[in-house]
N, C-alpha and C. Protein backbone atom coordinates (compact mmCIF):
# COMPACT_ATOMS: atom_id res chain seq x y z
N UNK A 1 0.76 -1.45 -0.06
CA UNK A 1 -0.26 -0.09 -0.08
C UNK A 1 1.01 1.31 -0.13
N UNK A 2 0.51 2.37 -0.88
CA UNK A 2 1.27 3.57 -1.20
C UNK A 2 0.33 4.40 -0.28
N UNK A 3 1.10 5.17 0.70
CA UNK A 3 0.31 6.13 1.47
C UNK A 3 0.95 7.61 0.96
N UNK A 4 -0.03 8.59 0.63
CA UNK A 4 0.35 9.66 -0.02
C UNK A 4 1.21 10.55 0.90
N UNK A 5 2.27 11.51 0.52
CA UNK A 5 2.95 12.32 1.25
C UNK A 5 2.05 13.16 2.39
N UNK A 6 0.92 13.61 1.75
CA UNK A 6 -0.05 14.40 2.47
C UNK A 6 -0.69 14.00 3.53
N UNK A 7 -0.63 12.56 3.82
CA UNK A 7 -1.42 11.67 4.57
C UNK A 7 -1.30 12.19 6.04
N UNK A 8 -0.08 12.49 6.31
CA UNK A 8 0.17 13.00 7.78
C UNK A 8 -0.37 14.42 8.09
N UNK A 9 -0.51 15.12 7.11
CA UNK A 9 -1.13 16.50 7.37
C UNK A 9 -2.63 16.47 7.37
N UNK A 10 -3.14 15.14 7.30
CA UNK A 10 -4.62 15.15 7.59
C UNK A 10 -5.04 14.54 8.91
N UNK A 11 -4.16 14.50 9.63
CA UNK A 11 -4.16 13.87 11.23
C UNK A 11 -5.10 14.72 11.87
N UNK A 12 -6.12 14.56 12.19
CA UNK A 12 -7.21 15.32 12.89
C UNK A 12 -6.86 15.84 14.26
N UNK A 13 -7.47 16.93 14.53
CA UNK A 13 -7.32 17.43 15.79
C UNK A 13 -8.64 17.96 16.11
N UNK A 14 -8.75 18.54 17.31
CA UNK A 14 -10.30 18.67 17.87
C UNK A 14 -11.05 19.99 16.89
N UNK A 15 -10.18 20.70 16.22
CA UNK A 15 -10.72 21.74 15.56
C UNK A 15 -10.66 21.64 13.93
N UNK A 16 -10.43 20.30 13.70
CA UNK A 16 -10.36 19.95 12.07
C UNK A 16 -11.78 19.27 11.96
N UNK A 17 -12.01 19.18 10.42
CA UNK A 17 -13.56 18.57 10.10
C UNK A 17 -12.89 17.14 9.69
N UNK A 18 -13.94 16.26 9.54
CA UNK A 18 -13.61 14.91 9.27
C UNK A 18 -13.34 14.88 7.74
N UNK A 19 -12.92 13.96 6.97
CA UNK A 19 -12.34 13.92 5.81
C UNK A 19 -13.14 12.82 4.93
N UNK A 20 -13.39 13.56 3.63
CA UNK A 20 -14.07 12.56 2.68
C UNK A 20 -13.36 12.46 1.35
N UNK A 21 -13.58 11.47 0.79
CA UNK A 21 -12.75 11.03 -0.34
C UNK A 21 -13.75 11.02 -1.47
N UNK A 22 -13.80 11.87 -2.57
CA UNK A 22 -14.44 11.98 -3.56
C UNK A 22 -14.05 11.58 -5.16
N UNK A 23 -14.46 10.60 -5.40
CA UNK A 23 -13.82 10.28 -6.88
C UNK A 23 -14.77 10.70 -8.16
N UNK A 24 -14.01 11.07 -9.09
CA UNK A 24 -14.81 11.65 -10.35
C UNK A 24 -15.29 13.12 -9.89
N UNK A 25 -14.23 13.92 -9.16
CA UNK A 25 -14.89 15.24 -8.71
C UNK A 25 -14.88 16.36 -9.61
N UNK A 26 -14.28 16.10 -10.85
CA UNK A 26 -14.25 17.22 -11.78
C UNK A 26 -15.45 17.52 -12.66
N UNK A 27 -16.29 16.66 -12.64
CA UNK A 27 -17.44 16.96 -13.33
C UNK A 27 -18.67 15.97 -12.68
N UNK A 28 -19.71 16.31 -13.31
CA UNK A 28 -20.92 15.63 -12.94
C UNK A 28 -21.54 15.31 -11.19
N UNK A 29 -21.84 13.79 -11.32
CA UNK A 29 -22.17 13.59 -9.91
C UNK A 29 -21.12 13.86 -8.89
N UNK A 30 -19.75 13.38 -9.17
CA UNK A 30 -18.69 13.43 -8.44
C UNK A 30 -18.56 14.86 -8.00
N UNK A 31 -18.43 15.80 -9.03
CA UNK A 31 -18.63 17.45 -8.66
C UNK A 31 -19.50 17.87 -7.64
N UNK A 32 -20.94 17.39 -7.90
CA UNK A 32 -21.90 17.70 -7.06
C UNK A 32 -21.71 17.15 -5.61
N UNK A 33 -21.25 15.86 -5.50
CA UNK A 33 -20.91 15.35 -4.21
C UNK A 33 -19.97 15.89 -3.42
N UNK A 34 -18.85 16.48 -4.40
CA UNK A 34 -17.56 17.30 -3.68
C UNK A 34 -18.31 18.76 -3.15
N UNK A 35 -18.97 19.23 -3.77
CA UNK A 35 -19.70 20.55 -3.63
C UNK A 35 -20.59 20.42 -1.91
N UNK A 36 -21.26 19.41 -2.12
CA UNK A 36 -22.20 18.99 -0.92
C UNK A 36 -21.16 18.85 0.10
N UNK A 37 -20.19 17.90 0.05
CA UNK A 37 -19.50 17.63 1.17
C UNK A 37 -18.52 18.51 1.75
N UNK A 38 -18.13 19.50 0.84
CA UNK A 38 -17.33 20.49 1.21
C UNK A 38 -17.82 21.33 2.48
N UNK A 39 -19.19 21.47 2.61
CA UNK A 39 -19.90 22.20 3.84
C UNK A 39 -19.28 21.71 4.88
N UNK A 40 -19.13 20.44 5.05
CA UNK A 40 -19.10 19.87 6.38
C UNK A 40 -17.62 19.07 6.54
N UNK A 41 -17.02 18.76 5.29
CA UNK A 41 -15.96 17.96 5.38
C UNK A 41 -14.52 18.82 4.88
N UNK A 42 -13.30 18.49 5.07
CA UNK A 42 -12.12 18.54 4.36
C UNK A 42 -12.34 17.64 3.39
N UNK A 43 -11.57 17.59 2.24
CA UNK A 43 -11.88 16.66 1.06
C UNK A 43 -10.38 15.96 0.33
N UNK A 44 -10.45 14.91 -0.12
CA UNK A 44 -9.36 14.46 -0.94
C UNK A 44 -10.44 14.38 -2.50
N UNK A 45 -9.83 15.02 -3.10
CA UNK A 45 -10.72 14.64 -4.59
C UNK A 45 -9.68 14.09 -5.67
N UNK A 46 -10.53 13.08 -6.53
CA UNK A 46 -9.62 12.60 -7.59
C UNK A 46 -10.18 12.76 -8.78
N UNK A 47 -9.84 12.71 -9.67
CA UNK A 47 -10.37 12.61 -11.42
C UNK A 47 -9.14 12.39 -12.21
N UNK A 48 -9.30 12.31 -13.57
CA UNK A 48 -8.39 12.25 -14.36
C UNK A 48 -7.73 13.70 -14.79
N UNK A 49 -8.66 14.67 -14.87
CA UNK A 49 -8.32 16.16 -15.28
C UNK A 49 -7.70 16.84 -14.25
N UNK A 50 -6.18 17.01 -13.93
CA UNK A 50 -5.79 17.73 -12.89
C UNK A 50 -6.10 19.11 -12.83
N UNK A 51 -6.08 19.80 -13.88
CA UNK A 51 -6.42 21.29 -14.20
C UNK A 51 -7.72 21.53 -13.44
N UNK A 52 -8.58 20.77 -13.92
CA UNK A 52 -10.02 20.88 -13.29
C UNK A 52 -10.24 20.64 -11.97
N UNK A 53 -9.54 19.82 -11.49
CA UNK A 53 -9.61 19.30 -10.19
C UNK A 53 -8.94 20.46 -9.35
N UNK A 54 -7.81 20.96 -9.67
CA UNK A 54 -7.25 21.97 -8.79
C UNK A 54 -8.05 23.13 -9.07
N UNK A 55 -8.80 23.38 -10.01
CA UNK A 55 -9.73 24.51 -10.13
C UNK A 55 -11.01 24.20 -8.97
N UNK A 56 -11.44 23.14 -9.03
CA UNK A 56 -12.54 23.03 -7.89
C UNK A 56 -12.01 23.07 -6.84
N UNK A 57 -11.00 22.27 -6.30
CA UNK A 57 -10.45 22.48 -5.17
C UNK A 57 -10.14 24.12 -4.77
N UNK A 58 -9.69 24.79 -5.40
CA UNK A 58 -9.33 26.37 -5.40
C UNK A 58 -10.67 26.97 -4.78
N UNK A 59 -11.93 26.48 -5.57
CA UNK A 59 -13.20 27.24 -5.63
C UNK A 59 -13.77 26.46 -4.06
N UNK A 60 -13.53 25.48 -3.95
CA UNK A 60 -14.31 24.76 -2.61
C UNK A 60 -13.56 25.45 -1.53
N UNK A 61 -12.35 25.55 -1.39
CA UNK A 61 -11.65 26.10 -0.21
C UNK A 61 -12.14 27.38 -0.10
N UNK A 62 -12.33 28.25 -1.05
CA UNK A 62 -12.59 29.72 -0.97
C UNK A 62 -13.98 29.72 -0.10
N UNK A 63 -15.01 28.89 -0.74
CA UNK A 63 -16.31 29.05 -0.24
C UNK A 63 -16.52 28.47 1.09
N UNK A 64 -15.71 27.47 1.55
CA UNK A 64 -15.89 26.69 2.57
C UNK A 64 -14.88 26.74 3.71
N UNK A 65 -13.67 27.46 3.21
CA UNK A 65 -12.58 27.36 4.43
C UNK A 65 -12.16 26.08 4.67
N UNK A 66 -12.13 25.00 3.68
CA UNK A 66 -11.78 23.82 4.36
C UNK A 66 -10.59 23.63 3.29
N UNK A 67 -10.00 22.39 3.97
CA UNK A 67 -8.85 21.88 2.94
C UNK A 67 -9.15 20.72 1.92
N UNK A 68 -8.65 20.98 0.90
CA UNK A 68 -8.87 20.03 -0.48
C UNK A 68 -7.44 19.49 -0.89
N UNK A 69 -7.25 18.54 -0.89
CA UNK A 69 -6.26 17.64 -1.69
C UNK A 69 -6.73 17.05 -2.90
N UNK A 70 -5.83 17.45 -4.01
CA UNK A 70 -6.02 17.01 -5.20
C UNK A 70 -5.12 15.64 -5.47
N UNK A 71 -5.76 14.62 -6.07
CA UNK A 71 -5.05 13.62 -6.49
C UNK A 71 -5.71 13.44 -8.12
N UNK A 72 -4.97 13.61 -9.01
CA UNK A 72 -5.36 13.20 -10.43
C UNK A 72 -4.67 11.85 -10.63
N UNK A 73 -5.91 10.90 -11.04
CA UNK A 73 -5.53 9.59 -11.56
C UNK A 73 -6.86 9.16 -12.21
N UNK A 74 -6.41 8.31 -13.08
CA UNK A 74 -7.54 7.31 -13.79
C UNK A 74 -7.75 5.97 -12.81
N UNK A 75 -8.80 6.20 -12.18
CA UNK A 75 -8.73 5.09 -11.34
C UNK A 75 -9.25 3.69 -12.26
N UNK A 76 -9.58 3.72 -13.49
CA UNK A 76 -9.67 2.68 -14.30
C UNK A 76 -8.58 1.69 -14.43
N UNK A 77 -7.51 2.42 -14.26
CA UNK A 77 -5.92 1.71 -14.38
C UNK A 77 -5.60 1.25 -13.15
N UNK A 78 -5.01 -0.10 -13.17
CA UNK A 78 -4.47 -0.86 -11.85
C UNK A 78 -3.59 -0.26 -11.19
N UNK A 79 -2.68 0.78 -11.94
CA UNK A 79 -1.65 1.20 -10.94
C UNK A 79 -2.00 2.67 -10.40
N UNK A 80 -3.19 3.08 -10.56
CA UNK A 80 -3.78 4.28 -10.12
C UNK A 80 -4.03 4.12 -8.50
């Protein structure tokens, strides 16, 4: 198992939100779920389009003052 470098930064303290992982967060249902979850959670979002993910992350962080980590990946690929 590979643990991303940012995993240590996700350790919760009493003033941090819980964390939600949203796949396909650049468009469609995944994007809608990310927008809904951002109200109450810090997020890890993943999808194939890195640029779009970074735009979504910036928007959600600005609107909800939460932390959003981006993992660009094609989850249809075994090595993702």
